[in-house]
């Protein structure tokens, strides 16, 4: 499983379009408890690859568009 990194502008666009997103913050526990985005989940940055498969919701594979 890979976690897609996006910019603030890309996130805003997804939210404006009503797309479903899962916000993941990769912060130390103290920093996350101090301040985080509403609805975000925290996965320590050094454990994202390890923990993401069990902490993030499963998504169906993206459909590929036919080129041409």
PDB file of N, CA and C in Angstrom:
ATOM      1  N   UNK A   1       0.860  -1.180   0.000  1.00  0.00           N
ATOM      2  CA  UNK A   1       0.000   0.000   0.000  1.00  0.00           C
ATOM      3  C   UNK A   1       0.898   1.231   0.000  1.00  0.00           C
ATOM      4  N   UNK A   2       0.568   2.181  -0.833  1.00  0.00           N
ATOM      5  CA  UNK A   2       1.302   3.438  -0.812  1.00  0.00           C
ATOM      6  C   UNK A   2       0.355   4.540  -0.366  1.00  0.00           C
ATOM      7  N   UNK A   3       0.928   5.526   0.280  1.00  0.00           N
ATOM      8  CA  UNK A   3       0.159   6.663   0.753  1.00  0.00           C
ATOM      9  C   UNK A   3       0.473   7.832  -0.166  1.00  0.00           C
ATOM     10  N   UNK A   4      -0.554   8.407  -0.749  1.00  0.00           N
ATOM     11  CA  UNK A   4      -0.384   9.516  -1.687  1.00  0.00           C
ATOM     12  C   UNK A   4      -0.139  10.805  -0.923  1.00  0.00           C
ATOM     13  N   UNK A   5       0.937  11.485  -1.256  1.00  0.00           N
ATOM     14  CA  UNK A   5       1.220  12.790  -0.667  1.00  0.00           C
ATOM     15  C   UNK A   5       0.698  13.850  -1.618  1.00  0.00           C
ATOM     16  N   UNK A   6      -0.052  14.804  -1.074  1.00  0.00           N
ATOM     17  CA  UNK A   6      -0.595  15.876  -1.910  1.00  0.00           C
ATOM     18  C   UNK A   6      -0.327  17.215  -1.255  1.00  0.00           C
ATOM     19  N   UNK A   7      -0.370  18.259  -2.055  1.00  0.00           N
ATOM     20  CA  UNK A   7      -0.143  19.613  -1.551  1.00  0.00           C
ATOM     21  C   UNK A   7      -1.422  20.147  -0.900  1.00  0.00           C
ATOM     22  N   UNK A   8      -1.295  21.249  -0.224  1.00  0.00           N
ATOM     23  CA  UNK A   8      -2.464  21.901   0.377  1.00  0.00           C
ATOM     24  C   UNK A   8      -3.488  22.265  -0.693  1.00  0.00           C
ATOM     25  N   UNK A   9      -2.983  22.756  -1.822  1.00  0.00           N
ATOM     26  CA  UNK A   9      -3.877  23.159  -2.906  1.00  0.00           C
ATOM     27  C   UNK A   9      -4.640  21.955  -3.468  1.00  0.00           C
ATOM     28  N   UNK A  10      -3.936  20.830  -3.610  1.00  0.00           N
ATOM     29  CA  UNK A  10      -4.606  19.618  -4.098  1.00  0.00           C
ATOM     30  C   UNK A  10      -5.657  19.141  -3.099  1.00  0.00           C
ATOM     31  N   UNK A  11      -5.336  19.201  -1.812  1.00  0.00           N
ATOM     32  CA  UNK A  11      -6.300  18.816  -0.786  1.00  0.00           C
ATOM     33  C   UNK A  11      -7.523  19.714  -0.837  1.00  0.00           C
ATOM     34  N   UNK A  12      -7.300  21.016  -0.934  1.00  0.00           N
ATOM     35  CA  UNK A  12      -8.423  21.947  -1.001  1.00  0.00           C
ATOM     36  C   UNK A  12      -9.300  21.638  -2.203  1.00  0.00           C
ATOM     37  N   UNK A  13      -8.691  21.353  -3.353  1.00  0.00           N
ATOM     38  CA  UNK A  13      -9.454  21.017  -4.552  1.00  0.00           C
ATOM     39  C   UNK A  13     -10.307  19.775  -4.349  1.00  0.00           C
ATOM     40  N   UNK A  14      -9.728  18.745  -3.737  1.00  0.00           N
ATOM     41  CA  UNK A  14     -10.481  17.508  -3.481  1.00  0.00           C
ATOM     42  C   UNK A  14     -11.659  17.785  -2.552  1.00  0.00           C
ATOM     43  N   UNK A  15     -11.424  18.562  -1.499  1.00  0.00           N
ATOM     44  CA  UNK A  15     -12.498  18.887  -0.561  1.00  0.00           C
ATOM     45  C   UNK A  15     -13.572  19.732  -1.237  1.00  0.00           C
ATOM     46  N   UNK A  16     -13.156  20.697  -2.055  1.00  0.00           N
ATOM     47  CA  UNK A  16     -14.120  21.549  -2.766  1.00  0.00           C
ATOM     48  C   UNK A  16     -14.994  20.738  -3.726  1.00  0.00           C
ATOM     49  N   UNK A  17     -14.424  19.675  -4.314  1.00  0.00           N
ATOM     50  CA  UNK A  17     -15.172  18.824  -5.243  1.00  0.00           C
ATOM     51  C   UNK A  17     -15.981  17.746  -4.525  1.00  0.00           C
ATOM     52  N   UNK A  18     -15.847  17.685  -3.214  1.00  0.00           N
ATOM     53  CA  UNK A  18     -16.589  16.700  -2.439  1.00  0.00           C
ATOM     54  C   UNK A  18     -16.015  15.294  -2.522  1.00  0.00           C
ATOM     55  N   UNK A  19     -14.756  15.190  -2.912  1.00  0.00           N
ATOM     56  CA  UNK A  19     -14.130  13.868  -3.002  1.00  0.00           C
ATOM     57  C   UNK A  19     -13.907  13.318  -1.599  1.00  0.00           C
ATOM     58  N   UNK A  20     -13.988  12.015  -1.493  1.00  0.00           N
ATOM     59  CA  UNK A  20     -13.724  11.363  -0.220  1.00  0.00           C
ATOM     60  C   UNK A  20     -12.218  11.310   0.005  1.00  0.00           C
ATOM     61  N   UNK A  21     -11.784  11.765   1.156  1.00  0.00           N
ATOM     62  CA  UNK A  21     -10.361  11.746   1.486  1.00  0.00           C
ATOM     63  C   UNK A  21     -10.179  11.202   2.895  1.00  0.00           C
ATOM     64  N   UNK A  22      -9.035  10.614   3.129  1.00  0.00           N
ATOM     65  CA  UNK A  22      -8.624  10.209   4.464  1.00  0.00           C
ATOM     66  C   UNK A  22      -7.380  11.024   4.766  1.00  0.00           C
ATOM     67  N   UNK A  23      -7.481  11.883   5.763  1.00  0.00           N
ATOM     68  CA  UNK A  23      -6.346  12.726   6.134  1.00  0.00           C
ATOM     69  C   UNK A  23      -5.450  11.981   7.102  1.00  0.00           C
ATOM     70  N   UNK A  24      -4.196  11.878   6.743  1.00  0.00           N
ATOM     71  CA  UNK A  24      -3.203  11.233   7.597  1.00  0.00           C
ATOM     72  C   UNK A  24      -2.132  12.260   7.905  1.00  0.00           C
ATOM     73  N   UNK A  25      -1.871  12.436   9.177  1.00  0.00           N
ATOM     74  CA  UNK A  25      -0.768  13.289   9.584  1.00  0.00           C
ATOM     75  C   UNK A  25       0.323  12.388  10.131  1.00  0.00           C
ATOM     76  N   UNK A  26       1.535  12.697   9.783  1.00  0.00           N
ATOM     77  CA  UNK A  26       2.681  11.905  10.221  1.00  0.00           C
ATOM     78  C   UNK A  26       3.480  12.742  11.223  1.00  0.00           C
ATOM     79  N   UNK A  27       2.965  12.768  12.447  1.00  0.00           N
ATOM     80  CA  UNK A  27       3.547  13.597  13.500  1.00  0.00           C
ATOM     81  C   UNK A  27       3.886  12.746  14.711  1.00  0.00           C
ATOM     82  N   UNK A  28       4.764  13.279  15.543  1.00  0.00           N
ATOM     83  CA  UNK A  28       4.974  12.662  16.840  1.00  0.00           C
ATOM     84  C   UNK A  28       3.689  12.801  17.646  1.00  0.00           C
ATOM     85  N   UNK A  29       3.472  11.884  18.572  1.00  0.00           N
ATOM     86  CA  UNK A  29       2.221  11.869  19.330  1.00  0.00           C
ATOM     87  C   UNK A  29       1.954  13.195  20.035  1.00  0.00           C
ATOM     88  N   UNK A  30       2.963  13.784  20.655  1.00  0.00           N
ATOM     89  CA  UNK A  30       2.773  15.049  21.381  1.00  0.00           C
ATOM     90  C   UNK A  30       2.340  16.164  20.434  1.00  0.00           C
ATOM     91  N   UNK A  31       2.961  16.234  19.254  1.00  0.00           N
ATOM     92  CA  UNK A  31       2.590  17.264  18.279  1.00  0.00           C
ATOM     93  C   UNK A  31       1.163  17.054  17.776  1.00  0.00           C
ATOM     94  N   UNK A  32       0.790  15.799  17.526  1.00  0.00           N
ATOM     95  CA  UNK A  32      -0.552  15.504  17.046  1.00  0.00           C
ATOM     96  C   UNK A  32      -1.585  15.884  18.102  1.00  0.00           C
ATOM     97  N   UNK A  33      -1.318  15.558  19.356  1.00  0.00           N
ATOM     98  CA  UNK A  33      -2.254  15.892  20.428  1.00  0.00           C
ATOM     99  C   UNK A  33      -2.379  17.403  20.605  1.00  0.00           C
ATOM    100  N   UNK A  34      -1.296  18.135  20.360  1.00  0.00           N
ATOM    101  CA  UNK A  34      -1.302  19.588  20.510  1.00  0.00           C
ATOM    102  C   UNK A  34      -2.158  20.264  19.443  1.00  0.00           C
ATOM    103  N   UNK A  35      -2.033  19.823  18.208  1.00  0.00           N
ATOM    104  CA  UNK A  35      -2.789  20.438  17.109  1.00  0.00           C
ATOM    105  C   UNK A  35      -2.747  19.520  15.894  1.00  0.00           C
ATOM    106  N   UNK A  36      -3.928  19.276  15.307  1.00  0.00           N
ATOM    107  CA  UNK A  36      -3.994  18.481  14.081  1.00  0.00           C
ATOM    108  C   UNK A  36      -5.242  18.879  13.299  1.00  0.00           C
ATOM    109  N   UNK A  37      -5.284  18.457  12.052  1.00  0.00           N
ATOM    110  CA  UNK A  37      -6.425  18.747  11.197  1.00  0.00           C
ATOM    111  C   UNK A  37      -7.646  17.973  11.688  1.00  0.00           C
ATOM    112  N   UNK A  38      -8.813  18.595  11.681  1.00  0.00           N
ATOM    113  CA  UNK A  38     -10.021  17.894  12.114  1.00  0.00           C
ATOM    114  C   UNK A  38     -10.247  16.620  11.292  1.00  0.00           C
ATOM    115  N   UNK A  39     -10.492  15.528  11.987  1.00  0.00           N
ATOM    116  CA  UNK A  39     -10.765  14.261  11.319  1.00  0.00           C
ATOM    117  C   UNK A  39      -9.544  13.484  10.879  1.00  0.00           C
ATOM    118  N   UNK A  40      -8.360  14.055  11.066  1.00  0.00           N
ATOM    119  CA  UNK A  40      -7.138  13.371  10.633  1.00  0.00           C
ATOM    120  C   UNK A  40      -6.785  12.236  11.580  1.00  0.00           C
ATOM    121  N   UNK A  41      -6.123  11.231  11.021  1.00  0.00           N
ATOM    122  CA  UNK A  41      -5.544  10.191  11.857  1.00  0.00           C
ATOM    123  C   UNK A  41      -4.038  10.373  11.833  1.00  0.00           C
ATOM    124  N   UNK A  42      -3.385   9.913  12.875  1.00  0.00           N
ATOM    125  CA  UNK A  42      -1.944  10.088  12.972  1.00  0.00           C
ATOM    126  C   UNK A  42      -1.244   8.749  12.834  1.00  0.00           C
ATOM    127  N   UNK A  43      -0.248   8.727  11.972  1.00  0.00           N
ATOM    128  CA  UNK A  43       0.650   7.583  11.853  1.00  0.00           C
ATOM    129  C   UNK A  43       2.059   8.162  11.943  1.00  0.00           C
ATOM    130  N   UNK A  44       2.857   7.739  12.915  1.00  0.00           N
ATOM    131  CA  UNK A  44       4.218   8.275  13.019  1.00  0.00           C
ATOM    132  C   UNK A  44       4.953   8.152  11.684  1.00  0.00           C
ATOM    133  N   UNK A  45       5.652   9.213  11.301  1.00  0.00           N
ATOM    134  CA  UNK A  45       6.269   9.272   9.975  1.00  0.00           C
ATOM    135  C   UNK A  45       7.193   8.098   9.693  1.00  0.00           C
ATOM    136  N   UNK A  46       7.860   7.577  10.716  1.00  0.00           N
ATOM    137  CA  UNK A  46       8.796   6.486  10.494  1.00  0.00           C
ATOM    138  C   UNK A  46       8.120   5.113  10.480  1.00  0.00           C
ATOM    139  N   UNK A  47       6.778   5.083  10.599  1.00  0.00           N
ATOM    140  CA  UNK A  47       6.054   3.809  10.603  1.00  0.00           C
ATOM    141  C   UNK A  47       4.902   3.783   9.595  1.00  0.00           C
ATOM    142  N   UNK A  48       4.840   4.780   8.709  1.00  0.00           N
ATOM    143  CA  UNK A  48       3.733   4.861   7.749  1.00  0.00           C
ATOM    144  C   UNK A  48       3.632   3.584   6.915  1.00  0.00           C
ATOM    145  N   UNK A  49       4.734   3.141   6.332  1.00  0.00           N
ATOM    146  CA  UNK A  49       4.688   1.944   5.480  1.00  0.00           C
ATOM    147  C   UNK A  49       4.245   0.715   6.264  1.00  0.00           C
ATOM    148  N   UNK A  50       4.634   0.636   7.510  1.00  0.00           N
ATOM    149  CA  UNK A  50       4.290  -0.511   8.349  1.00  0.00           C
ATOM    150  C   UNK A  50       2.824  -0.489   8.795  1.00  0.00           C
ATOM    151  N   UNK A  51       2.339   0.682   9.232  1.00  0.00           N
ATOM    152  CA  UNK A  51       1.018   0.768   9.851  1.00  0.00           C
ATOM    153  C   UNK A  51      -0.123   1.123   8.902  1.00  0.00           C
ATOM    154  N   UNK A  52       0.174   1.773   7.791  1.00  0.00           N
ATOM    155  CA  UNK A  52      -0.889   2.205   6.875  1.00  0.00           C
ATOM    156  C   UNK A  52      -1.804   1.057   6.434  1.00  0.00           C
ATOM    157  N   UNK A  53      -1.274  -0.116   6.098  1.00  0.00           N
ATOM    158  CA  UNK A  53      -2.173  -1.181   5.641  1.00  0.00           C
ATOM    159  C   UNK A  53      -3.233  -1.587   6.667  1.00  0.00           C
ATOM    160  N   UNK A  54      -2.945  -1.441   7.943  1.00  0.00           N
ATOM    161  CA  UNK A  54      -3.920  -1.845   8.954  1.00  0.00           C
ATOM    162  C   UNK A  54      -4.737  -0.675   9.493  1.00  0.00           C
ATOM    163  N   UNK A  55      -4.250   0.551   9.323  1.00  0.00           N
ATOM    164  CA  UNK A  55      -4.942   1.710   9.891  1.00  0.00           C
ATOM    165  C   UNK A  55      -5.817   2.460   8.900  1.00  0.00           C
ATOM    166  N   UNK A  56      -5.522   2.324   7.616  1.00  0.00           N
ATOM    167  CA  UNK A  56      -6.263   3.073   6.615  1.00  0.00           C
ATOM    168  C   UNK A  56      -7.353   2.205   5.993  1.00  0.00           C
ATOM    169  N   UNK A  57      -8.471   2.829   5.641  1.00  0.00           N
ATOM    170  CA  UNK A  57      -9.550   2.054   5.015  1.00  0.00           C
ATOM    171  C   UNK A  57      -9.118   1.521   3.656  1.00  0.00           C
ATOM    172  N   UNK A  58      -9.655   0.365   3.312  1.00  0.00           N
ATOM    173  CA  UNK A  58      -9.360  -0.219   2.007  1.00  0.00           C
ATOM    174  C   UNK A  58     -10.129   0.525   0.934  1.00  0.00           C
ATOM    175  N   UNK A  59      -9.490   0.711  -0.186  1.00  0.00           N
ATOM    176  CA  UNK A  59     -10.135   1.352  -1.333  1.00  0.00           C
ATOM    177  C   UNK A  59     -10.061   0.407  -2.510  1.00  0.00           C
ATOM    178  N   UNK A  60     -11.103   0.408  -3.336  1.00  0.00           N
ATOM    179  CA  UNK A  60     -10.999  -0.408  -4.545  1.00  0.00           C
ATOM    180  C   UNK A  60      -9.929   0.184  -5.459  1.00  0.00           C
ATOM    181  N   UNK A  61      -9.302  -0.635  -6.292  1.00  0.00           N
ATOM    182  CA  UNK A  61      -8.291  -0.108  -7.213  1.00  0.00           C
ATOM    183  C   UNK A  61      -8.904   0.935  -8.138  1.00  0.00           C
ATOM    184  N   UNK A  62      -8.110   1.921  -8.480  1.00  0.00           N
ATOM    185  CA  UNK A  62      -8.576   2.948  -9.415  1.00  0.00           C
ATOM    186  C   UNK A  62      -8.746   2.337 -10.792  1.00  0.00           C
ATOM    187  N   UNK A  63      -9.803   2.737 -11.482  1.00  0.00           N
ATOM    188  CA  UNK A  63     -10.019   2.279 -12.846  1.00  0.00           C
ATOM    189  C   UNK A  63      -9.117   3.071 -13.771  1.00  0.00           C
ATOM    190  N   UNK A  64      -8.487   2.365 -14.678  1.00  0.00           N
ATOM    191  CA  UNK A  64      -7.622   3.024 -15.650  1.00  0.00           C
ATOM    192  C   UNK A  64      -8.455   3.442 -16.842  1.00  0.00           C
ATOM    193  N   UNK A  65      -8.175   4.637 -17.326  1.00  0.00           N
ATOM    194  CA  UNK A  65      -8.877   5.130 -18.518  1.00  0.00           C
ATOM    195  C   UNK A  65      -8.185   4.604 -19.758  1.00  0.00           C
ATOM    196  N   UNK A  66      -8.979   4.281 -20.746  1.00  0.00           N
ATOM    197  CA  UNK A  66      -8.407   3.859 -22.027  1.00  0.00           C
ATOM    198  C   UNK A  66      -7.808   5.071 -22.705  1.00  0.00           C
ATOM    199  N   UNK A  67      -6.627   4.907 -23.241  1.00  0.00           N
ATOM    200  CA  UNK A  67      -6.006   6.036 -23.941  1.00  0.00           C
ATOM    201  C   UNK A  67      -6.358   5.957 -25.412  1.00  0.00           C
ATOM    202  N   UNK A  68      -6.337   7.131 -26.022  1.00  0.00           N
ATOM    203  CA  UNK A  68      -6.563   7.064 -27.437  1.00  0.00           C
ATOM    204  C   UNK A  68      -7.522   7.989 -27.953  1.00  0.00           C
TER     205      UNK A  68
END
